[in-house]
Amino acid sequence: MKSLYSIVFSLCLATPAIANDQLNSDVKRMAGFAGDLRVLSENCEVFVDPLNGVHIAEALISVPNIDMEAVLALIDDEYEKSAHYTGSVCYPEDGERIERLKRLYISELNSLKQSVARGDYE
């Protein structure tokens, strides 16, 4: 049981603290979408905007005291996780999944921009 506690503690330390819990949750979700989208597009050799992660950082640039290094590290980590769990095979249903992820990503990015504009993360 002791090893489980150390694993959980290590995972908590590995998750970068961004500005607040809601922002951290929103960025983690967006980073997951961007990572999945990038991995699936690479696997299926489909062009998807390679700057998806950069768009997240751009949307957050005006958030006071944002740790942009932590944001970018989280985006990279989510890509690496997605690559690890997804593998490198393109399955027939992945084309539909890419389109669904693109729509989700765009919708969530717009919501993130609106939240930043309203000052939700200050």
C-alpha atoms as a PDB file:
ATOM      1  CA  MET A   1       0.000   0.000   0.000  1.00  0.00           C
ATOM      2  CA  LYS A   2       2.896   2.293   0.686  1.00  0.00           C
ATOM      3  CA  SER A   3       3.950   2.174  -2.968  1.00  0.00           C
ATOM      4  CA  LEU A   4       0.469   3.288  -4.061  1.00  0.00           C
ATOM      5  CA  TYR A   5       0.782   6.413  -1.914  1.00  0.00           C
ATOM      6  CA  SER A   6       4.165   7.227  -3.379  1.00  0.00           C
ATOM      7  CA  ILE A   7       2.811   6.786  -6.912  1.00  0.00           C
ATOM      8  CA  VAL A   8      -0.152   9.069  -6.242  1.00  0.00           C
ATOM      9  CA  PHE A   9       2.127  11.638  -4.606  1.00  0.00           C
ATOM     10  CA  SER A  10       4.500  11.505  -7.583  1.00  0.00           C
ATOM     11  CA  LEU A  11       1.621  12.006  -9.997  1.00  0.00           C
ATOM     12  CA  CYS A  12       0.442  15.026  -8.038  1.00  0.00           C
ATOM     13  CA  LEU A  13       3.908  16.535  -8.218  1.00  0.00           C
ATOM     14  CA  ALA A  14       4.145  15.780 -11.944  1.00  0.00           C
ATOM     15  CA  THR A  15       0.985  17.778 -12.728  1.00  0.00           C
ATOM     16  CA  PRO A  16       2.033  21.376 -13.090  1.00  0.00           C
ATOM     17  CA  ALA A  17       0.045  23.850 -11.048  1.00  0.00           C
ATOM     18  CA  ILE A  18      -1.141  26.577 -13.353  1.00  0.00           C
ATOM     19  CA  ALA A  19      -3.149  29.534 -12.008  1.00  0.00           C
ATOM     20  CA  ASN A  20      -6.162  27.967 -10.327  1.00  0.00           C
ATOM     21  CA  ASP A  21      -8.061  24.691 -10.236  1.00  0.00           C
ATOM     22  CA  GLN A  22     -10.566  25.606 -12.956  1.00  0.00           C
ATOM     23  CA  LEU A  23      -7.846  26.890 -15.265  1.00  0.00           C
ATOM     24  CA  ASN A  24      -5.735  23.811 -14.588  1.00  0.00           C
ATOM     25  CA  SER A  25      -8.696  21.567 -15.413  1.00  0.00           C
ATOM     26  CA  ASP A  26      -9.556  23.492 -18.585  1.00  0.00           C
ATOM     27  CA  VAL A  27      -5.967  23.514 -19.836  1.00  0.00           C
ATOM     28  CA  LYS A  28      -5.504  19.821 -19.075  1.00  0.00           C
ATOM     29  CA  ARG A  29      -8.667  18.967 -21.023  1.00  0.00           C
ATOM     30  CA  MET A  30      -7.591  21.140 -23.957  1.00  0.00           C
ATOM     31  CA  ALA A  31      -4.089  19.671 -23.909  1.00  0.00           C
ATOM     32  CA  GLY A  32      -5.607  16.188 -23.998  1.00  0.00           C
ATOM     33  CA  PHE A  33      -7.669  17.072 -27.064  1.00  0.00           C
ATOM     34  CA  ALA A  34      -4.633  18.624 -28.767  1.00  0.00           C
ATOM     35  CA  GLY A  35      -2.449  15.598 -27.945  1.00  0.00           C
ATOM     36  CA  ASP A  36      -5.014  13.079 -29.173  1.00  0.00           C
ATOM     37  CA  LEU A  37      -5.622  15.088 -32.321  1.00  0.00           C
ATOM     38  CA  ARG A  38      -1.918  15.362 -33.079  1.00  0.00           C
ATOM     39  CA  VAL A  39      -1.255  11.664 -32.516  1.00  0.00           C
ATOM     40  CA  LEU A  40      -4.229  10.491 -34.584  1.00  0.00           C
ATOM     41  CA  SER A  41      -3.380  12.853 -37.427  1.00  0.00           C
ATOM     42  CA  GLU A  42       0.232  11.646 -37.421  1.00  0.00           C
ATOM     43  CA  ASN A  43      -0.880   8.004 -37.371  1.00  0.00           C
ATOM     44  CA  CYS A  44      -3.348   8.477 -40.216  1.00  0.00           C
ATOM     45  CA  GLU A  45      -1.144  10.933 -42.141  1.00  0.00           C
ATOM     46  CA  VAL A  46      -3.917  13.520 -42.120  1.00  0.00           C
ATOM     47  CA  PHE A  47      -3.032  17.203 -41.967  1.00  0.00           C
ATOM     48  CA  VAL A  48      -4.339  18.836 -38.817  1.00  0.00           C
ATOM     49  CA  ASP A  49      -3.121  22.225 -37.599  1.00  0.00           C
ATOM     50  CA  PRO A  50       0.272  21.441 -36.033  1.00  0.00           C
ATOM     51  CA  LEU A  51      -0.055  24.511 -33.803  1.00  0.00           C
ATOM     52  CA  ASN A  52      -3.009  23.228 -31.771  1.00  0.00           C
ATOM     53  CA  GLY A  53      -1.032  23.390 -28.548  1.00  0.00           C
ATOM     54  CA  VAL A  54       0.284  26.836 -29.409  1.00  0.00           C
ATOM     55  CA  HIS A  55      -3.292  28.098 -29.806  1.00  0.00           C
ATOM     56  CA  ILE A  56      -3.959  27.105 -26.190  1.00  0.00           C
ATOM     57  CA  ALA A  57      -0.933  29.080 -25.007  1.00  0.00           C
ATOM     58  CA  GLU A  58      -1.950  32.075 -27.150  1.00  0.00           C
ATOM     59  CA  ALA A  59      -5.430  32.053 -25.629  1.00  0.00           C
ATOM     60  CA  LEU A  60      -3.900  32.169 -22.136  1.00  0.00           C
ATOM     61  CA  ILE A  61      -1.265  34.835 -22.724  1.00  0.00           C
ATOM     62  CA  SER A  62      -3.240  37.575 -20.959  1.00  0.00           C
ATOM     63  CA  VAL A  63      -3.979  35.534 -17.811  1.00  0.00           C
ATOM     64  CA  PRO A  64      -2.145  37.192 -14.917  1.00  0.00           C
ATOM     65  CA  ASN A  65       0.704  35.189 -13.367  1.00  0.00           C
ATOM     66  CA  ILE A  66       0.253  32.300 -15.795  1.00  0.00           C
ATOM     67  CA  ASP A  67       3.140  29.862 -15.757  1.00  0.00           C
ATOM     68  CA  MET A  68       3.457  29.452 -19.512  1.00  0.00           C
ATOM     69  CA  GLU A  69       6.267  26.925 -19.118  1.00  0.00           C
ATOM     70  CA  ALA A  70       3.904  24.730 -17.095  1.00  0.00           C
ATOM     71  CA  VAL A  71       1.201  25.143 -19.746  1.00  0.00           C
ATOM     72  CA  LEU A  72       3.569  24.146 -22.564  1.00  0.00           C
ATOM     73  CA  ALA A  73       4.961  21.258 -20.505  1.00  0.00           C
ATOM     74  CA  LEU A  74       1.428  19.997 -19.869  1.00  0.00           C
ATOM     75  CA  ILE A  75       0.647  20.168 -23.599  1.00  0.00           C
ATOM     76  CA  ASP A  76       3.805  18.171 -24.371  1.00  0.00           C
ATOM     77  CA  ASP A  77       3.056  15.666 -21.603  1.00  0.00           C
ATOM     78  CA  GLU A  78      -0.470  15.074 -22.883  1.00  0.00           C
ATOM     79  CA  TYR A  79       0.894  14.479 -26.394  1.00  0.00           C
ATOM     80  CA  GLU A  80       3.429  11.969 -25.058  1.00  0.00           C
ATOM     81  CA  LYS A  81       0.715  10.191 -23.046  1.00  0.00           C
ATOM     82  CA  SER A  82      -1.560  10.027 -26.052  1.00  0.00           C
ATOM     83  CA  ALA A  83       1.238   8.685 -28.241  1.00  0.00           C
ATOM     84  CA  HIS A  84       2.038   6.036 -25.642  1.00  0.00           C
ATOM     85  CA  TYR A  85      -1.545   4.841 -25.163  1.00  0.00           C
ATOM     86  CA  THR A  86      -2.732   5.215 -28.759  1.00  0.00           C
ATOM     87  CA  GLY A  87       0.229   3.636 -30.493  1.00  0.00           C
ATOM     88  CA  SER A  88       1.025   4.292 -34.139  1.00  0.00           C
ATOM     89  CA  VAL A  89      -1.708   2.438 -36.014  1.00  0.00           C
ATOM     90  CA  CYS A  90      -4.435   4.219 -37.962  1.00  0.00           C
ATOM     91  CA  TYR A  91      -7.749   2.434 -37.573  1.00  0.00           C
ATOM     92  CA  PRO A  92     -10.703   2.849 -39.971  1.00  0.00           C
ATOM     93  CA  GLU A  93     -12.763   4.711 -37.358  1.00  0.00           C
ATOM     94  CA  ASP A  94      -9.949   7.181 -36.650  1.00  0.00           C
ATOM     95  CA  GLY A  95     -10.987   9.474 -39.504  1.00  0.00           C
ATOM     96  CA  GLU A  96     -14.329  10.077 -37.800  1.00  0.00           C
ATOM     97  CA  ARG A  97     -12.605  10.421 -34.438  1.00  0.00           C
ATOM     98  CA  ILE A  98     -10.256  13.087 -35.841  1.00  0.00           C
ATOM     99  CA  GLU A  99     -13.200  15.121 -37.130  1.00  0.00           C
ATOM    100  CA  ARG A 100     -15.006  14.818 -33.790  1.00  0.00           C
ATOM    101  CA  LEU A 101     -11.861  15.862 -31.905  1.00  0.00           C
ATOM    102  CA  LYS A 102     -11.344  18.850 -34.211  1.00  0.00           C
ATOM    103  CA  ARG A 103     -14.886  20.066 -33.510  1.00  0.00           C
ATOM    104  CA  LEU A 104     -14.438  19.551 -29.760  1.00  0.00           C
ATOM    105  CA  TYR A 105     -11.058  21.270 -29.783  1.00  0.00           C
ATOM    106  CA  ILE A 106     -12.372  24.317 -31.659  1.00  0.00           C
ATOM    107  CA  SER A 107     -15.411  24.568 -29.392  1.00  0.00           C
ATOM    108  CA  GLU A 108     -13.311  24.239 -26.228  1.00  0.00           C
ATOM    109  CA  LEU A 109     -10.725  26.718 -27.518  1.00  0.00           C
ATOM    110  CA  ASN A 110     -13.463  29.274 -28.154  1.00  0.00           C
ATOM    111  CA  SER A 111     -14.816  28.676 -24.631  1.00  0.00           C
ATOM    112  CA  LEU A 112     -11.319  29.079 -23.203  1.00  0.00           C
ATOM    113  CA  LYS A 113     -10.879  32.389 -25.045  1.00  0.00           C
ATOM    114  CA  GLN A 114     -14.246  33.605 -23.737  1.00  0.00           C
ATOM    115  CA  SER A 115     -13.332  32.624 -20.181  1.00  0.00           C
ATOM    116  CA  VAL A 116     -10.044  34.513 -20.458  1.00  0.00           C
ATOM    117  CA  ALA A 117     -11.823  37.576 -21.900  1.00  0.00           C
ATOM    118  CA  ARG A 118     -14.349  37.531 -19.026  1.00  0.00           C
ATOM    119  CA  GLY A 119     -11.520  37.305 -16.508  1.00  0.00           C
ATOM    120  CA  ASP A 120     -12.626  33.945 -15.137  1.00  0.00           C
ATOM    121  CA  TYR A 121      -9.052  32.934 -14.314  1.00  0.00           C
ATOM    122  CA  GLU A 122      -7.890  36.060 -12.498  1.00  0.00           C
END
